């Protein structure tokens, strides 16, 4: 870069002496400015060429994305709803409790990896143990196939009996808790005590339950007989 050296010119009478540039210095300054402007113009031309090349690519990408969106909508997929769900999921995953759980999971990965590596050996041991048990039962005269069929039949009957329904489970749970409560609270009751107990609403409710049960149970026994 050319260094400009200011020169002193003789000032008119009555004026102070000020440093000025010679005509050669002005020419060099203008030349530098023009060179910089030319370089800037060249850079702008390159940027413009890059933009012109990028525009068709952006158009192709836009058309491709529009095509995907159209296909997804035709498949019945709501893009907006999926996006909202993804954002909600991202919010839940980045919550402090979720991040803490992820940290714990990452810390457990080495242990889980070791268990996975040991799993084939453990499964093989279980299979060998099961085979040995089946062999011993057969040697003892147990019909394994018949026992298995009876077990499946019993499981099916248990499921069909509705004993696993919420209402049946609630009754069994109440009965078990009542048995536990009554084990220590039960006292001998006289005939007069029994008569007084019949006036208790809870006792009346239990008697009503047992009477309804007796009627339903008797009806089913008569049908299946």
C-alpha atoms as a PDB file:
ATOM      1  CA  UNK A   1       0.000   0.000   0.000  1.00  0.00           C
ATOM      2  CA  UNK A   2       1.379   3.438  -0.962  1.00  0.00           C
ATOM      3  CA  UNK A   3       2.036   5.740   2.005  1.00  0.00           C
ATOM      4  CA  UNK A   4       0.993   9.313   1.363  1.00  0.00           C
ATOM      5  CA  UNK A   5       3.413  11.974   2.636  1.00  0.00           C
ATOM      6  CA  UNK A   6       1.844  15.378   3.170  1.00  0.00           C
ATOM      7  CA  UNK A   7       3.769  18.343   1.744  1.00  0.00           C
ATOM      8  CA  UNK A   8       3.687  21.916   2.817  1.00  0.00           C
ATOM      9  CA  UNK A   9       2.523  24.611   0.371  1.00  0.00           C
ATOM     10  CA  UNK A  10       3.044  28.362   0.702  1.00  0.00           C
ATOM     11  CA  UNK A  11      -0.151  29.872   2.079  1.00  0.00           C
ATOM     12  CA  UNK A  12      -1.481  33.201   0.838  1.00  0.00           C
ATOM     13  CA  UNK A  13      -0.616  36.287   2.890  1.00  0.00           C
ATOM     14  CA  UNK A  14      -2.619  36.593   6.092  1.00  0.00           C
ATOM     15  CA  UNK A  15      -3.361  32.757   6.320  1.00  0.00           C
ATOM     16  CA  UNK A  16      -1.609  30.206   8.465  1.00  0.00           C
ATOM     17  CA  UNK A  17       0.456  27.412   6.934  1.00  0.00           C
ATOM     18  CA  UNK A  18      -1.639  24.095   6.576  1.00  0.00           C
ATOM     19  CA  UNK A  19      -0.368  20.674   5.342  1.00  0.00           C
ATOM     20  CA  UNK A  20      -1.832  19.722   1.938  1.00  0.00           C
ATOM     21  CA  UNK A  21      -1.412  16.873  -0.528  1.00  0.00           C
ATOM     22  CA  UNK A  22       0.490  17.328  -3.757  1.00  0.00           C
ATOM     23  CA  UNK A  23      -1.156  16.617  -7.083  1.00  0.00           C
ATOM     24  CA  UNK A  24       0.756  13.302  -7.244  1.00  0.00           C
ATOM     25  CA  UNK A  25      -0.623  12.326  -3.809  1.00  0.00           C
ATOM     26  CA  UNK A  26      -4.174  13.075  -4.897  1.00  0.00           C
ATOM     27  CA  UNK A  27      -3.739  10.927  -7.982  1.00  0.00           C
ATOM     28  CA  UNK A  28      -2.439   8.024  -5.927  1.00  0.00           C
ATOM     29  CA  UNK A  29      -5.344   8.350  -3.450  1.00  0.00           C
ATOM     30  CA  UNK A  30      -7.893   8.329  -6.260  1.00  0.00           C
ATOM     31  CA  UNK A  31      -6.169   5.300  -7.780  1.00  0.00           C
ATOM     32  CA  UNK A  32      -6.393   3.429  -4.455  1.00  0.00           C
ATOM     33  CA  UNK A  33     -10.061   4.304  -4.055  1.00  0.00           C
ATOM     34  CA  UNK A  34     -10.841   3.152  -7.591  1.00  0.00           C
ATOM     35  CA  UNK A  35      -8.934  -0.103  -7.025  1.00  0.00           C
ATOM     36  CA  UNK A  36     -10.895  -0.797  -3.841  1.00  0.00           C
ATOM     37  CA  UNK A  37     -14.175  -0.018  -5.582  1.00  0.00           C
ATOM     38  CA  UNK A  38     -13.234  -2.384  -8.400  1.00  0.00           C
ATOM     39  CA  UNK A  39     -12.449  -5.175  -5.943  1.00  0.00           C
ATOM     40  CA  UNK A  40     -15.756  -4.581  -4.137  1.00  0.00           C
ATOM     41  CA  UNK A  41     -17.572  -4.719  -7.456  1.00  0.00           C
ATOM     42  CA  UNK A  42     -15.882  -8.016  -8.317  1.00  0.00           C
ATOM     43  CA  UNK A  43     -16.926  -9.484  -4.968  1.00  0.00           C
ATOM     44  CA  UNK A  44     -20.492  -8.286  -5.459  1.00  0.00           C
ATOM     45  CA  UNK A  45     -20.488  -9.904  -8.914  1.00  0.00           C
ATOM     46  CA  UNK A  46     -19.388 -13.230  -7.393  1.00  0.00           C
ATOM     47  CA  UNK A  47     -22.058 -13.001  -4.695  1.00  0.00           C
ATOM     48  CA  UNK A  48     -24.671 -12.218  -7.308  1.00  0.00           C
ATOM     49  CA  UNK A  49     -23.593 -15.250  -9.350  1.00  0.00           C
ATOM     50  CA  UNK A  50     -23.842 -17.482  -6.283  1.00  0.00           C
ATOM     51  CA  UNK A  51     -27.310 -16.143  -5.522  1.00  0.00           C
ATOM     52  CA  UNK A  52     -28.387 -16.753  -9.115  1.00  0.00           C
ATOM     53  CA  UNK A  53     -27.157 -20.357  -8.861  1.00  0.00           C
ATOM     54  CA  UNK A  54     -28.838 -20.895  -5.483  1.00  0.00           C
ATOM     55  CA  UNK A  55     -32.267 -19.680  -6.581  1.00  0.00           C
ATOM     56  CA  UNK A  56     -33.043 -22.695  -8.864  1.00  0.00           C
ATOM     57  CA  UNK A  57     -31.815 -25.101  -6.184  1.00  0.00           C
ATOM     58  CA  UNK A  58     -34.042 -23.425  -3.587  1.00  0.00           C
ATOM     59  CA  UNK A  59     -36.980 -23.670  -5.982  1.00  0.00           C
ATOM     60  CA  UNK A  60     -36.363 -27.399  -6.520  1.00  0.00           C
ATOM     61  CA  UNK A  61     -36.119 -28.001  -2.764  1.00  0.00           C
ATOM     62  CA  UNK A  62     -39.323 -26.051  -2.179  1.00  0.00           C
ATOM     63  CA  UNK A  63     -41.161 -28.089  -4.817  1.00  0.00           C
ATOM     64  CA  UNK A  64     -39.839 -31.311  -3.285  1.00  0.00           C
ATOM     65  CA  UNK A  65     -40.984 -30.349   0.215  1.00  0.00           C
ATOM     66  CA  UNK A  66     -44.375 -29.278  -1.137  1.00  0.00           C
ATOM     67  CA  UNK A  67     -44.688 -32.682  -2.819  1.00  0.00           C
ATOM     68  CA  UNK A  68     -43.906 -34.480   0.425  1.00  0.00           C
ATOM     69  CA  UNK A  69     -46.425 -32.368   2.300  1.00  0.00           C
ATOM     70  CA  UNK A  70     -49.082 -33.124  -0.304  1.00  0.00           C
ATOM     71  CA  UNK A  71     -48.411 -36.863  -0.127  1.00  0.00           C
ATOM     72  CA  UNK A  72     -48.576 -36.834   3.675  1.00  0.00           C
ATOM     73  CA  UNK A  73     -51.895 -34.983   3.616  1.00  0.00           C
ATOM     74  CA  UNK A  74     -53.256 -37.487   1.104  1.00  0.00           C
ATOM     75  CA  UNK A  75     -52.250 -40.243   3.530  1.00  0.00           C
ATOM     76  CA  UNK A  76     -54.369 -38.640   6.242  1.00  0.00           C
ATOM     77  CA  UNK A  77     -51.437 -37.250   8.240  1.00  0.00           C
ATOM     78  CA  UNK A  78     -52.050 -33.865   9.841  1.00  0.00           C
ATOM     79  CA  UNK A  79     -48.678 -32.130   9.558  1.00  0.00           C
ATOM     80  CA  UNK A  80     -49.627 -29.268  11.866  1.00  0.00           C
ATOM     81  CA  UNK A  81     -50.822 -31.633  14.584  1.00  0.00           C
ATOM     82  CA  UNK A  82     -47.726 -33.801  14.216  1.00  0.00           C
ATOM     83  CA  UNK A  83     -45.544 -30.720  14.528  1.00  0.00           C
ATOM     84  CA  UNK A  84     -47.359 -29.612  17.671  1.00  0.00           C
ATOM     85  CA  UNK A  85     -47.023 -33.092  19.159  1.00  0.00           C
ATOM     86  CA  UNK A  86     -43.311 -33.128  18.334  1.00  0.00           C
ATOM     87  CA  UNK A  87     -42.844 -29.769  20.042  1.00  0.00           C
ATOM     88  CA  UNK A  88     -44.774 -30.964  23.087  1.00  0.00           C
ATOM     89  CA  UNK A  89     -42.647 -34.112  23.205  1.00  0.00           C
ATOM     90  CA  UNK A  90     -39.488 -32.033  22.913  1.00  0.00           C
ATOM     91  CA  UNK A  91     -40.703 -29.860  25.803  1.00  0.00           C
ATOM     92  CA  UNK A  92     -41.342 -32.927  27.960  1.00  0.00           C
ATOM     93  CA  UNK A  93     -37.995 -34.483  27.068  1.00  0.00           C
ATOM     94  CA  UNK A  94     -36.125 -31.326  28.000  1.00  0.00           C
ATOM     95  CA  UNK A  95     -37.954 -30.936  31.312  1.00  0.00           C
ATOM     96  CA  UNK A  96     -35.668 -31.182  34.393  1.00  0.00           C
ATOM     97  CA  UNK A  97     -37.196 -34.460  35.616  1.00  0.00           C
ATOM     98  CA  UNK A  98     -36.875 -36.018  32.161  1.00  0.00           C
ATOM     99  CA  UNK A  99     -33.264 -34.944  31.842  1.00  0.00           C
ATOM    100  CA  UNK A 100     -32.525 -36.403  35.281  1.00  0.00           C
ATOM    101  CA  UNK A 101     -34.103 -39.705  34.242  1.00  0.00           C
ATOM    102  CA  UNK A 102     -32.040 -39.701  31.041  1.00  0.00           C
ATOM    103  CA  UNK A 103     -28.876 -39.073  33.046  1.00  0.00           C
ATOM    104  CA  UNK A 104     -29.691 -42.014  35.299  1.00  0.00           C
ATOM    105  CA  UNK A 105     -30.376 -44.189  32.250  1.00  0.00           C
ATOM    106  CA  UNK A 106     -27.067 -43.214  30.679  1.00  0.00           C
ATOM    107  CA  UNK A 107     -25.295 -44.027  33.939  1.00  0.00           C
ATOM    108  CA  UNK A 108     -26.954 -47.475  33.914  1.00  0.00           C
ATOM    109  CA  UNK A 109     -25.968 -48.270  30.336  1.00  0.00           C
ATOM    110  CA  UNK A 110     -22.717 -50.088  31.261  1.00  0.00           C
ATOM    111  CA  UNK A 111     -24.619 -52.331  33.698  1.00  0.00           C
ATOM    112  CA  UNK A 112     -27.361 -52.980  31.154  1.00  0.00           C
ATOM    113  CA  UNK A 113     -24.735 -53.823  28.529  1.00  0.00           C
ATOM    114  CA  UNK A 114     -23.155 -56.365  30.860  1.00  0.00           C
ATOM    115  CA  UNK A 115     -26.573 -57.927  31.563  1.00  0.00           C
ATOM    116  CA  UNK A 116     -27.337 -58.142  27.850  1.00  0.00           C
ATOM    117  CA  UNK A 117     -24.026 -59.908  27.249  1.00  0.00           C
ATOM    118  CA  UNK A 118     -24.837 -62.377  30.037  1.00  0.00           C
ATOM    119  CA  UNK A 119     -28.458 -62.894  28.892  1.00  0.00           C
ATOM    120  CA  UNK A 120     -27.758 -65.665  26.308  1.00  0.00           C
ATOM    121  CA  UNK A 121     -25.944 -67.754  28.909  1.00  0.00           C
ATOM    122  CA  UNK A 122     -28.698 -67.226  31.481  1.00  0.00           C
ATOM    123  CA  UNK A 123     -31.406 -68.173  28.943  1.00  0.00           C
ATOM    124  CA  UNK A 124     -29.494 -71.299  27.945  1.00  0.00           C
ATOM    125  CA  UNK A 125     -29.228 -72.283  31.631  1.00  0.00           C
ATOM    126  CA  UNK A 126     -32.978 -71.793  32.119  1.00  0.00           C
ATOM    127  CA  UNK A 127     -33.751 -73.889  29.042  1.00  0.00           C
ATOM    128  CA  UNK A 128     -31.473 -76.669  30.247  1.00  0.00           C
ATOM    129  CA  UNK A 129     -33.083 -76.557  33.690  1.00  0.00           C
ATOM    130  CA  UNK A 130     -36.555 -76.744  32.139  1.00  0.00           C
ATOM    131  CA  UNK A 131     -35.594 -79.677  29.946  1.00  0.00           C
ATOM    132  CA  UNK A 132     -34.162 -81.504  32.947  1.00  0.00           C
ATOM    133  CA  UNK A 133     -37.346 -80.866  34.956  1.00  0.00           C
ATOM    134  CA  UNK A 134     -39.574 -82.147  32.135  1.00  0.00           C
ATOM    135  CA  UNK A 135     -37.439 -85.253  31.806  1.00  0.00           C
ATOM    136  CA  UNK A 136     -37.670 -85.981  35.549  1.00  0.00           C
ATOM    137  CA  UNK A 137     -41.460 -85.507  35.531  1.00  0.00           C
ATOM    138  CA  UNK A 138     -41.824 -87.897  32.612  1.00  0.00           C
ATOM    139  CA  UNK A 139     -39.646 -90.444  34.384  1.00  0.00           C
ATOM    140  CA  UNK A 140     -41.958 -90.084  37.386  1.00  0.00           C
ATOM    141  CA  UNK A 141     -44.965 -90.969  35.193  1.00  0.00           C
ATOM    142  CA  UNK A 142     -46.382 -87.450  34.806  1.00  0.00           C
ATOM    143  CA  UNK A 143     -48.115 -86.802  31.487  1.00  0.00           C
ATOM    144  CA  UNK A 144     -46.659 -83.385  30.659  1.00  0.00           C
ATOM    145  CA  UNK A 145     -48.804 -82.870  27.548  1.00  0.00           C
ATOM    146  CA  UNK A 146     -52.017 -83.701  29.399  1.00  0.00           C
ATOM    147  CA  UNK A 147     -50.976 -81.475  32.291  1.00  0.00           C
ATOM    148  CA  UNK A 148     -50.271 -78.645  29.894  1.00  0.00           C
ATOM    149  CA  UNK A 149     -53.673 -79.016  28.207  1.00  0.00           C
ATOM    150  CA  UNK A 150     -55.417 -79.002  31.592  1.00  0.00           C
ATOM    151  CA  UNK A 151     -53.457 -75.913  32.588  1.00  0.00           C
ATOM    152  CA  UNK A 152     -54.487 -74.069  29.424  1.00  0.00           C
ATOM    153  CA  UNK A 153     -58.107 -75.143  29.921  1.00  0.00           C
ATOM    154  CA  UNK A 154     -58.026 -73.930  33.524  1.00  0.00           C
ATOM    155  CA  UNK A 155     -56.495 -70.600  32.480  1.00  0.00           C
ATOM    156  CA  UNK A 156     -59.162 -70.124  29.799  1.00  0.00           C
ATOM    157  CA  UNK A 157     -61.919 -70.996  32.271  1.00  0.00           C
ATOM    158  CA  UNK A 158     -60.480 -68.517  34.773  1.00  0.00           C
ATOM    159  CA  UNK A 159     -60.451 -65.738  32.175  1.00  0.00           C
ATOM    160  CA  UNK A 160     -63.972 -66.584  30.948  1.00  0.00           C
ATOM    161  CA  UNK A 161     -65.307 -66.631  34.516  1.00  0.00           C
ATOM    162  CA  UNK A 162     -64.896 -62.846  34.810  1.00  0.00           C
ATOM    163  CA  UNK A 163     -63.086 -63.340  38.111  1.00  0.00           C
ATOM    164  CA  UNK A 164     -60.450 -60.913  36.862  1.00  0.00           C
ATOM    165  CA  UNK A 165     -62.995 -58.160  36.195  1.00  0.00           C
ATOM    166  CA  UNK A 166     -62.640 -55.003  38.255  1.00  0.00           C
ATOM    167  CA  UNK A 167     -65.889 -55.619  40.129  1.00  0.00           C
ATOM    168  CA  UNK A 168     -64.920 -59.194  41.054  1.00  0.00           C
ATOM    169  CA  UNK A 169     -61.438 -58.140  42.124  1.00  0.00           C
ATOM    170  CA  UNK A 170     -62.980 -55.394  44.289  1.00  0.00           C
ATOM    171  CA  UNK A 171     -65.268 -57.943  46.005  1.00  0.00           C
ATOM    172  CA  UNK A 172     -62.353 -60.309  46.643  1.00  0.00           C
ATOM    173  CA  UNK A 173     -60.234 -57.436  47.972  1.00  0.00           C
ATOM    174  CA  UNK A 174     -63.017 -56.307  50.324  1.00  0.00           C
ATOM    175  CA  UNK A 175     -63.523 -59.879  51.529  1.00  0.00           C
ATOM    176  CA  UNK A 176     -59.782 -60.319  52.196  1.00  0.00           C
ATOM    177  CA  UNK A 177     -59.569 -57.062  54.126  1.00  0.00           C
ATOM    178  CA  UNK A 178     -62.698 -57.934  56.118  1.00  0.00           C
ATOM    179  CA  UNK A 179     -61.219 -61.336  57.022  1.00  0.00           C
ATOM    180  CA  UNK A 180     -58.052 -59.649  58.248  1.00  0.00           C
ATOM    181  CA  UNK A 181     -60.024 -57.064  60.254  1.00  0.00           C
ATOM    182  CA  UNK A 182     -62.312 -59.684  61.803  1.00  0.00           C
ATOM    183  CA  UNK A 183     -59.562 -62.129  62.772  1.00  0.00           C
ATOM    184  CA  UNK A 184     -58.729 -60.202  65.963  1.00  0.00           C
ATOM    185  CA  UNK A 185     -62.011 -58.318  66.493  1.00  0.00           C
ATOM    186  CA  UNK A 186     -64.337 -61.371  66.529  1.00  0.00           C
ATOM    187  CA  UNK A 187     -66.050 -62.074  69.888  1.00  0.00           C
ATOM    188  CA  UNK A 188     -68.613 -64.698  70.974  1.00  0.00           C
ATOM    189  CA  UNK A 189     -72.171 -63.555  70.258  1.00  0.00           C
ATOM    190  CA  UNK A 190     -75.312 -64.721  72.071  1.00  0.00           C
ATOM    191  CA  UNK A 191     -78.728 -65.118  70.485  1.00  0.00           C
ATOM    192  CA  UNK A 192     -79.749 -61.689  71.767  1.00  0.00           C
ATOM    193  CA  UNK A 193     -76.502 -60.235  70.417  1.00  0.00           C
ATOM    194  CA  UNK A 194     -77.317 -61.765  67.035  1.00  0.00           C
ATOM    195  CA  UNK A 195     -80.743 -60.147  67.082  1.00  0.00           C
ATOM    196  CA  UNK A 196     -79.228 -56.777  67.960  1.00  0.00           C
ATOM    197  CA  UNK A 197     -76.646 -57.200  65.157  1.00  0.00           C
ATOM    198  CA  UNK A 198     -79.437 -57.706  62.631  1.00  0.00           C
ATOM    199  CA  UNK A 199     -80.373 -54.081  63.191  1.00  0.00           C
ATOM    200  CA  UNK A 200     -76.908 -52.887  62.043  1.00  0.00           C
ATOM    201  CA  UNK A 201     -77.105 -51.457  58.471  1.00  0.00           C
ATOM    202  CA  UNK A 202     -73.698 -52.922  57.601  1.00  0.00           C
ATOM    203  CA  UNK A 203     -74.769 -56.394  58.764  1.00  0.00           C
ATOM    204  CA  UNK A 204     -77.996 -56.060  56.791  1.00  0.00           C
ATOM    205  CA  UNK A 205     -76.005 -55.071  53.706  1.00  0.00           C
ATOM    206  CA  UNK A 206     -73.732 -58.131  54.106  1.00  0.00           C
ATOM    207  CA  UNK A 207     -76.731 -60.446  54.589  1.00  0.00           C
ATOM    208  CA  UNK A 208     -78.316 -58.995  51.464  1.00  0.00           C
ATOM    209  CA  UNK A 209     -75.100 -59.679  49.549  1.00  0.00           C
ATOM    210  CA  UNK A 210     -74.973 -63.300  50.768  1.00  0.00           C
ATOM    211  CA  UNK A 211     -78.646 -63.853  49.901  1.00  0.00           C
ATOM    212  CA  UNK A 212     -78.114 -62.454  46.381  1.00  0.00           C
ATOM    213  CA  UNK A 213     -75.008 -64.608  46.027  1.00  0.00           C
ATOM    214  CA  UNK A 214     -76.877 -67.707  47.223  1.00  0.00           C
ATOM    215  CA  UNK A 215     -79.648 -67.125  44.701  1.00  0.00           C
ATOM    216  CA  UNK A 216     -77.258 -66.564  41.757  1.00  0.00           C
ATOM    217  CA  UNK A 217     -75.013 -69.467  42.757  1.00  0.00           C
ATOM    218  CA  UNK A 218     -77.973 -71.830  43.170  1.00  0.00           C
ATOM    219  CA  UNK A 219     -79.344 -70.809  39.779  1.00  0.00           C
ATOM    220  CA  UNK A 220     -76.006 -71.492  38.057  1.00  0.00           C
ATOM    221  CA  UNK A 221     -75.652 -74.829  39.811  1.00  0.00           C
ATOM    222  CA  UNK A 222     -79.133 -75.805  38.618  1.00  0.00           C
ATOM    223  CA  UNK A 223     -78.291 -74.863  35.000  1.00  0.00           C
ATOM    224  CA  UNK A 224     -74.977 -76.699  34.968  1.00  0.00           C
ATOM    225  CA  UNK A 225     -76.377 -79.836  36.637  1.00  0.00           C
END
